[in-house]
PDB file of N, CA and C in Angstrom:
ATOM      1  N   MET A   1    -140.185  16.852-110.528  1.00  0.00           N
ATOM      2  CA  MET A   1    -139.901  18.249-110.242  1.00  0.00           C
ATOM      3  C   MET A   1    -139.734  18.398-108.728  1.00  0.00           C
ATOM      4  N   THR A   2    -138.733  19.139-108.322  1.00  0.00           N
ATOM      5  CA  THR A   2    -138.460  19.322-106.896  1.00  0.00           C
ATOM      6  C   THR A   2    -139.365  20.394-106.300  1.00  0.00           C
ATOM      7  N   SER A   3    -139.449  20.399-105.000  1.00  0.00           N
ATOM      8  CA  SER A   3    -140.239  21.420-104.299  1.00  0.00           C
ATOM      9  C   SER A   3    -139.711  22.826-104.591  1.00  0.00           C
ATOM     10  N   ILE A   4    -138.410  22.972-104.706  1.00  0.00           N
ATOM     11  CA  ILE A   4    -137.821  24.279-105.004  1.00  0.00           C
ATOM     12  C   ILE A   4    -138.220  24.728-106.416  1.00  0.00           C
ATOM     13  N   GLU A   5    -138.197  23.814-107.375  1.00  0.00           N
ATOM     14  CA  GLU A   5    -138.609  24.165-108.734  1.00  0.00           C
ATOM     15  C   GLU A   5    -140.073  24.596-108.774  1.00  0.00           C
ATOM     16  N   ILE A   6    -140.920  23.916-108.026  1.00  0.00           N
ATOM     17  CA  ILE A   6    -142.341  24.280-107.961  1.00  0.00           C
ATOM     18  C   ILE A   6    -142.499  25.668-107.344  1.00  0.00           C
ATOM     19  N   ALA A   7    -141.781  25.931-106.263  1.00  0.00           N
ATOM     20  CA  ALA A   7    -141.855  27.242-105.618  1.00  0.00           C
ATOM     21  C   ALA A   7    -141.402  28.349-106.570  1.00  0.00           C
ATOM     22  N   LYS A   8    -140.357  28.100-107.328  1.00  0.00           N
ATOM     23  CA  LYS A   8    -139.881  29.098-108.292  1.00  0.00           C
ATOM     24  C   LYS A   8    -140.917  29.343-109.382  1.00  0.00           C
ATOM     25  N   ARG A   9    -141.566  28.288-109.865  1.00  0.00           N
ATOM     26  CA  ARG A   9    -142.619  28.449-110.873  1.00  0.00           C
ATOM     27  C   ARG A   9    -143.795  29.236-110.305  1.00  0.00           C
ATOM     28  N   TYR A  10    -144.125  28.959-109.049  1.00  0.00           N
ATOM     29  CA  TYR A  10    -145.210  29.671-108.362  1.00  0.00           C
ATOM     30  C   TYR A  10    -144.901  31.169-108.325  1.00  0.00           C
ATOM     31  N   LEU A  11    -143.726  31.529-107.841  1.00  0.00           N
ATOM     32  CA  LEU A  11    -143.347  32.944-107.773  1.00  0.00           C
ATOM     33  C   LEU A  11    -143.273  33.574-109.163  1.00  0.00           C
ATOM     34  N   ASP A  12    -142.748  32.845-110.119  1.00  0.00           N
ATOM     35  CA  ASP A  12    -142.667  33.358-111.488  1.00  0.00           C
ATOM     36  C   ASP A  12    -144.064  33.639-112.049  1.00  0.00           C
ATOM     37  N   GLY A  13    -145.015  32.766-111.752  1.00  0.00           N
ATOM     38  CA  GLY A  13    -146.394  32.985-112.191  1.00  0.00           C
ATOM     39  C   GLY A  13    -146.963  34.279-111.639  1.00  0.00           C
ATOM     40  N   TRP A  14    -146.689  34.551-110.377  1.00  0.00           N
ATOM     41  CA  TRP A  14    -147.138  35.815-109.776  1.00  0.00           C
ATOM     42  C   TRP A  14    -146.490  37.006-110.483  1.00  0.00           C
ATOM     43  N   VAL A  15    -145.196  36.939-110.703  1.00  0.00           N
ATOM     44  CA  VAL A  15    -144.471  38.047-111.333  1.00  0.00           C
ATOM     45  C   VAL A  15    -144.991  38.294-112.750  1.00  0.00           C
ATOM     46  N   ARG A  16    -145.283  37.221-113.489  1.00  0.00           N
ATOM     47  CA  ARG A  16    -145.766  37.362-114.863  1.00  0.00           C
ATOM     48  C   ARG A  16    -147.265  37.637-114.933  1.00  0.00           C
ATOM     49  N   ARG A  17    -147.929  37.637-113.776  1.00  0.00           N
ATOM     50  CA  ARG A  17    -149.369  37.830-113.696  1.00  0.00           C
ATOM     51  C   ARG A  17    -150.104  36.761-114.508  1.00  0.00           C
ATOM     52  N   ASP A  18    -149.686  35.532-114.285  1.00  0.00           N
ATOM     53  CA  ASP A  18    -150.216  34.381-115.007  1.00  0.00           C
ATOM     54  C   ASP A  18    -150.907  33.454-114.009  1.00  0.00           C
ATOM     55  N   ALA A  19    -152.202  33.679-113.826  1.00  0.00           N
ATOM     56  CA  ALA A  19    -152.957  32.895-112.851  1.00  0.00           C
ATOM     57  C   ALA A  19    -152.919  31.401-113.175  1.00  0.00           C
ATOM     58  N   ASP A  20    -152.960  31.052-114.468  1.00  0.00           N
ATOM     59  CA  ASP A  20    -152.898  29.639-114.836  1.00  0.00           C
ATOM     60  C   ASP A  20    -151.595  29.004-114.346  1.00  0.00           C
ATOM     61  N   ALA A  21    -150.491  29.728-114.492  1.00  0.00           N
ATOM     62  CA  ALA A  21    -149.195  29.207-114.054  1.00  0.00           C
ATOM     63  C   ALA A  21    -149.164  29.042-112.536  1.00  0.00           C
ATOM     64  N   VAL A  22    -149.708  30.002-111.809  1.00  0.00           N
ATOM     65  CA  VAL A  22    -149.752  29.899-110.348  1.00  0.00           C
ATOM     66  C   VAL A  22    -150.600  28.694-109.941  1.00  0.00           C
ATOM     67  N   LEU A  23    -151.797  28.600-110.512  1.00  0.00           N
ATOM     68  CA  LEU A  23    -152.698  27.504-110.157  1.00  0.00           C
ATOM     69  C   LEU A  23    -152.112  26.143-110.521  1.00  0.00           C
ATOM     70  N   ALA A  24    -151.313  26.077-111.586  1.00  0.00           N
ATOM     71  CA  ALA A  24    -150.706  24.814-112.007  1.00  0.00           C
ATOM     72  C   ALA A  24    -149.708  24.287-110.990  1.00  0.00           C
ATOM     73  N   THR A  25    -149.232  25.132-110.091  1.00  0.00           N
ATOM     74  CA  THR A  25    -148.276  24.677-109.082  1.00  0.00           C
ATOM     75  C   THR A  25    -148.959  24.063-107.863  1.00  0.00           C
ATOM     76  N   LEU A  26    -150.268  24.187-107.779  1.00  0.00           N
ATOM     77  CA  LEU A  26    -151.004  23.654-106.632  1.00  0.00           C
ATOM     78  C   LEU A  26    -151.509  22.242-106.911  1.00  0.00           C
ATOM     79  N   THR A  27    -151.616  21.450-105.876  1.00  0.00           N
ATOM     80  CA  THR A  27    -152.262  20.150-105.992  1.00  0.00           C
ATOM     81  C   THR A  27    -153.766  20.388-106.146  1.00  0.00           C
ATOM     82  N   PRO A  28    -154.532  19.387-106.561  1.00  0.00           N
ATOM     83  CA  PRO A  28    -155.970  19.588-106.737  1.00  0.00           C
ATOM     84  C   PRO A  28    -156.681  20.119-105.483  1.00  0.00           C
ATOM     85  N   ASP A  29    -156.174  19.770-104.321  1.00  0.00           N
ATOM     86  CA  ASP A  29    -156.789  20.266-103.088  1.00  0.00           C
ATOM     87  C   ASP A  29    -155.985  21.409-102.458  1.00  0.00           C
ATOM     88  N   GLY A  30    -155.029  21.956-103.204  1.00  0.00           N
ATOM     89  CA  GLY A  30    -154.181  23.038-102.691  1.00  0.00           C
ATOM     90  C   GLY A  30    -154.947  24.334-102.509  1.00  0.00           C
ATOM     91  N   THR A  31    -154.546  25.096-101.506  1.00  0.00           N
ATOM     92  CA  THR A  31    -155.199  26.377-101.215  1.00  0.00           C
ATOM     93  C   THR A  31    -154.157  27.465-100.996  1.00  0.00           C
ATOM     94  N   TYR A  32    -154.630  28.697-101.042  1.00  0.00           N
ATOM     95  CA  TYR A  32    -153.817  29.885-100.772  1.00  0.00           C
ATOM     96  C   TYR A  32    -154.518  30.659 -99.677  1.00  0.00           C
ATOM     97  N   GLU A  33    -153.731  31.248 -98.785  1.00  0.00           N
ATOM     98  CA  GLU A  33    -154.310  32.070 -97.725  1.00  0.00           C
ATOM     99  C   GLU A  33    -153.297  33.119 -97.308  1.00  0.00           C
ATOM    100  N   ASP A  34    -153.772  34.339 -97.117  1.00  0.00           N
ATOM    101  CA  ASP A  34    -152.962  35.398 -96.535  1.00  0.00           C
ATOM    102  C   ASP A  34    -153.867  36.211 -95.616  1.00  0.00           C
ATOM    103  N   PRO A  35    -153.329  37.161 -94.867  1.00  0.00           N
ATOM    104  CA  PRO A  35    -154.156  37.884 -93.902  1.00  0.00           C
ATOM    105  C   PRO A  35    -155.358  38.613 -94.505  1.00  0.00           C
ATOM    106  N   SER A  36    -155.300  38.968 -95.780  1.00  0.00           N
ATOM    107  CA  SER A  36    -156.435  39.696 -96.364  1.00  0.00           C
ATOM    108  C   SER A  36    -157.359  38.821 -97.203  1.00  0.00           C
ATOM    109  N   SER A  37    -157.078  37.535 -97.317  1.00  0.00           N
ATOM    110  CA  SER A  37    -157.904  36.668 -98.173  1.00  0.00           C
ATOM    111  C   SER A  37    -159.173  36.183 -97.482  1.00  0.00           C
ATOM    112  N   ARG A  38    -159.282  36.410 -96.200  1.00  0.00           N
ATOM    113  CA  ARG A  38    -160.461  36.000 -95.419  1.00  0.00           C
ATOM    114  C   ARG A  38    -160.687  34.493 -95.457  1.00  0.00           C
ATOM    115  N   GLY A  39    -159.595  33.761 -95.454  1.00  0.00           N
ATOM    116  CA  GLY A  39    -159.688  32.307 -95.436  1.00  0.00           C
ATOM    117  C   GLY A  39    -159.023  31.696 -96.644  1.00  0.00           C
ATOM    118  N   PRO A  40    -158.952  30.369 -96.668  1.00  0.00           N
ATOM    119  CA  PRO A  40    -158.280  29.684 -97.766  1.00  0.00           C
ATOM    120  C   PRO A  40    -159.054  29.835 -99.079  1.00  0.00           C
ATOM    121  N   LEU A  41    -158.300  29.981-100.172  1.00  0.00           N
ATOM    122  CA  LEU A  41    -158.869  30.110-101.510  1.00  0.00           C
ATOM    123  C   LEU A  41    -158.291  29.027-102.405  1.00  0.00           C
ATOM    124  N   SER A  42    -159.073  28.592-103.362  1.00  0.00           N
ATOM    125  CA  SER A  42    -158.588  27.631-104.355  1.00  0.00           C
ATOM    126  C   SER A  42    -159.305  27.886-105.673  1.00  0.00           C
ATOM    127  N   GLY A  43    -158.803  27.289-106.730  1.00  0.00           N
ATOM    128  CA  GLY A  43    -159.453  27.336-108.029  1.00  0.00           C
ATOM    129  C   GLY A  43    -159.825  28.742-108.484  1.00  0.00           C
ATOM    130  N   GLU A  44    -161.065  28.880-108.947  1.00  0.00           N
ATOM    131  CA  GLU A  44    -161.525  30.148-109.505  1.00  0.00           C
ATOM    132  C   GLU A  44    -161.558  31.276-108.472  1.00  0.00           C
ATOM    133  N   ALA A  45    -161.794  30.936-107.208  1.00  0.00           N
ATOM    134  CA  ALA A  45    -161.768  31.970-106.163  1.00  0.00           C
ATOM    135  C   ALA A  45    -160.356  32.536-106.019  1.00  0.00           C
ATOM    136  N   PHE A  46    -159.361  31.678-106.078  1.00  0.00           N
ATOM    137  CA  PHE A  46    -157.970  32.127-106.003  1.00  0.00           C
ATOM    138  C   PHE A  46    -157.616  32.930-107.250  1.00  0.00           C
ATOM    139  N   ARG A  47    -158.069  32.482-108.425  1.00  0.00           N
ATOM    140  CA  ARG A  47    -157.826  33.209-109.670  1.00  0.00           C
ATOM    141  C   ARG A  47    -158.391  34.640-109.561  1.00  0.00           C
ATOM    142  N   GLY A  48    -159.606  34.770-109.066  1.00  0.00           N
ATOM    143  CA  GLY A  48    -160.226  36.086-108.900  1.00  0.00           C
ATOM    144  C   GLY A  48    -159.470  36.948-107.904  1.00  0.00           C
ATOM    145  N   TYR A  49    -158.984  36.335-106.859  1.00  0.00           N
ATOM    146  CA  TYR A  49    -158.209  37.064-105.855  1.00  0.00           C
ATOM    147  C   TYR A  49    -156.922  37.612-106.460  1.00  0.00           C
ATOM    148  N   MET A  50    -156.227  36.769-107.251  1.00  0.00           N
ATOM    149  CA  MET A  50    -155.015  37.239-107.909  1.00  0.00           C
ATOM    150  C   MET A  50    -155.323  38.416-108.835  1.00  0.00           C
ATOM    151  N   ALA A  51    -156.379  38.298-109.619  1.00  0.00           N
ATOM    152  CA  ALA A  51    -156.757  39.377-110.542  1.00  0.00           C
ATOM    153  C   ALA A  51    -157.040  40.661-109.780  1.00  0.00           C
ATOM    154  N   GLY A  52    -157.705  40.549-108.644  1.00  0.00           N
ATOM    155  CA  GLY A  52    -157.985  41.717-107.819  1.00  0.00           C
ATOM    156  C   GLY A  52    -156.729  42.361-107.267  1.00  0.00           C
ATOM    157  N   LEU A  53    -155.792  41.548-106.816  1.00  0.00           N
ATOM    158  CA  LEU A  53    -154.521  42.090-106.312  1.00  0.00           C
ATOM    159  C   LEU A  53    -153.749  42.789-107.415  1.00  0.00           C
ATOM    160  N   TRP A  54    -153.690  42.163-108.598  1.00  0.00           N
ATOM    161  CA  TRP A  54    -152.949  42.763-109.710  1.00  0.00           C
ATOM    162  C   TRP A  54    -153.600  44.072-110.155  1.00  0.00           C
ATOM    163  N   ALA A  55    -154.931  44.153-110.100  1.00  0.00           N
ATOM    164  CA  ALA A  55    -155.621  45.389-110.480  1.00  0.00           C
ATOM    165  C   ALA A  55    -155.391  46.483-109.439  1.00  0.00           C
ATOM    166  N   ALA A  56    -155.434  46.110-108.167  1.00  0.00           N
ATOM    167  CA  ALA A  56    -155.276  47.091-107.084  1.00  0.00           C
ATOM    168  C   ALA A  56    -153.829  47.548-106.922  1.00  0.00           C
ATOM    169  N   PHE A  57    -152.905  46.666-107.214  1.00  0.00           N
ATOM    170  CA  PHE A  57    -151.479  46.951-107.041  1.00  0.00           C
ATOM    171  C   PHE A  57    -150.737  46.626-108.340  1.00  0.00           C
ATOM    172  N   PRO A  58    -150.814  47.513-109.329  1.00  0.00           N
ATOM    173  CA  PRO A  58    -150.232  47.203-110.638  1.00  0.00           C
ATOM    174  C   PRO A  58    -148.722  46.969-110.627  1.00  0.00           C
ATOM    175  N   ASP A  59    -148.044  47.417-109.595  1.00  0.00           N
ATOM    176  CA  ASP A  59    -146.597  47.191-109.529  1.00  0.00           C
ATOM    177  C   ASP A  59    -146.238  46.044-108.581  1.00  0.00           C
ATOM    178  N   LEU A  60    -147.229  45.244-108.187  1.00  0.00           N
ATOM    179  CA  LEU A  60    -147.000  44.107-107.295  1.00  0.00           C
ATOM    180  C   LEU A  60    -146.015  43.128-107.928  1.00  0.00           C
ATOM    181  N   THR A  61    -145.008  42.770-107.178  1.00  0.00           N
ATOM    182  CA  THR A  61    -144.041  41.784-107.655  1.00  0.00           C
ATOM    183  C   THR A  61    -143.472  41.020-106.465  1.00  0.00           C
ATOM    184  N   PHE A  62    -142.829  39.934-106.757  1.00  0.00           N
ATOM    185  CA  PHE A  62    -142.199  39.108-105.741  1.00  0.00           C
ATOM    186  C   PHE A  62    -140.803  38.746-106.211  1.00  0.00           C
ATOM    187  N   SER A  63    -139.915  38.580-105.280  1.00  0.00           N
ATOM    188  CA  SER A  63    -138.593  38.072-105.595  1.00  0.00           C
ATOM    189  C   SER A  63    -138.096  37.281-104.393  1.00  0.00           C
ATOM    190  N   ALA A  64    -137.304  36.303-104.679  1.00  0.00           N
ATOM    191  CA  ALA A  64    -136.718  35.493-103.615  1.00  0.00           C
ATOM    192  C   ALA A  64    -135.207  35.552-103.767  1.00  0.00           C
ATOM    193  N   GLU A  65    -134.568  36.145-102.782  1.00  0.00           N
ATOM    194  CA  GLU A  65    -133.108  36.201-102.803  1.00  0.00           C
ATOM    195  C   GLU A  65    -132.502  34.897-102.316  1.00  0.00           C
ATOM    196  N   SER A  66    -133.277  34.168-101.527  1.00  0.00           N
ATOM    197  CA  SER A  66    -132.833  32.851-101.092  1.00  0.00           C
ATOM    198  C   SER A  66    -134.045  31.932-101.041  1.00  0.00           C
ATOM    199  N   ILE A  67    -133.813  30.690-101.357  1.00  0.00           N
ATOM    200  CA  ILE A  67    -134.885  29.703-101.342  1.00  0.00           C
ATOM    201  C   ILE A  67    -134.260  28.357-100.992  1.00  0.00           C
ATOM    202  N   GLY A  68    -134.923  27.610-100.133  1.00  0.00           N
ATOM    203  CA  GLY A  68    -134.371  26.324 -99.739  1.00  0.00           C
ATOM    204  C   GLY A  68    -135.419  25.404 -99.169  1.00  0.00           C
ATOM    205  N   GLU A  69    -135.126  24.112 -99.199  1.00  0.00           N
ATOM    206  CA  GLU A  69    -136.027  23.122 -98.630  1.00  0.00           C
ATOM    207  C   GLU A  69    -135.870  23.129 -97.114  1.00  0.00           C
ATOM    208  N   MET A  70    -136.998  23.095 -96.437  1.00  0.00           N
ATOM    209  CA  MET A  70    -137.008  23.119 -94.981  1.00  0.00           C
ATOM    210  C   MET A  70    -137.427  21.770 -94.402  1.00  0.00           C
ATOM    211  N   GLY A  71    -137.761  20.850 -95.264  1.00  0.00           N
ATOM    212  CA  GLY A  71    -138.208  19.529 -94.862  1.00  0.00           C
ATOM    213  C   GLY A  71    -139.014  18.932 -95.998  1.00  0.00           C
ATOM    214  N   PRO A  72    -139.571  17.738 -95.805  1.00  0.00           N
ATOM    215  CA  PRO A  72    -140.363  17.132 -96.869  1.00  0.00           C
ATOM    216  C   PRO A  72    -141.515  18.047 -97.302  1.00  0.00           C
ATOM    217  N   ASP A  73    -141.539  18.391 -98.568  1.00  0.00           N
ATOM    218  CA  ASP A  73    -142.592  19.241 -99.150  1.00  0.00           C
ATOM    219  C   ASP A  73    -142.710  20.599 -98.472  1.00  0.00           C
ATOM    220  N   ARG A  74    -141.621  21.115 -97.946  1.00  0.00           N
ATOM    221  CA  ARG A  74    -141.605  22.423 -97.292  1.00  0.00           C
ATOM    222  C   ARG A  74    -140.482  23.255 -97.891  1.00  0.00           C
ATOM    223  N   VAL A  75    -140.851  24.436 -98.372  1.00  0.00           N
ATOM    224  CA  VAL A  75    -139.881  25.350 -98.971  1.00  0.00           C
ATOM    225  C   VAL A  75    -140.061  26.711 -98.324  1.00  0.00           C
ATOM    226  N   ALA A  76    -138.963  27.369 -98.053  1.00  0.00           N
ATOM    227  CA  ALA A  76    -138.998  28.738 -97.533  1.00  0.00           C
ATOM    228  C   ALA A  76    -138.246  29.636 -98.518  1.00  0.00           C
ATOM    229  N   ALA A  77    -138.815  30.808 -98.729  1.00  0.00           N
ATOM    230  CA  ALA A  77    -138.170  31.802 -99.598  1.00  0.00           C
ATOM    231  C   ALA A  77    -138.115  33.106 -98.833  1.00  0.00           C
ATOM    232  N   GLY A  78    -137.047  33.828 -98.998  1.00  0.00           N
ATOM    233  CA  GLY A  78    -136.894  35.089 -98.266  1.00  0.00           C
ATOM    234  C   GLY A  78    -136.105  36.100 -99.071  1.00  0.00           C
ATOM    235  N   ARG A  79    -136.168  37.292 -98.578  1.00  0.00           N
ATOM    236  CA  ARG A  79    -135.379  38.332 -99.213  1.00  0.00           C
ATOM    237  C   ARG A  79    -134.466  38.962 -98.221  1.00  0.00           C
TER     238      ARG A  79
END
């Protein structure tokens, strides 16, 4: 599976509100971090964070109008 395919599955998991699908795109040591996460999250902590975001923002969605490889194991998506 290519990095772009993984990124698309990751975004699709968020859109479908499927934490298992999002987590399946991460490596065993993979983490998530954004300005409000208060540091890197993984596993069940990341699952709880996703659930909290979906509850707080019921219309939360993501879309990528463009997506491309930026280097080895690096993907950028933008709108």
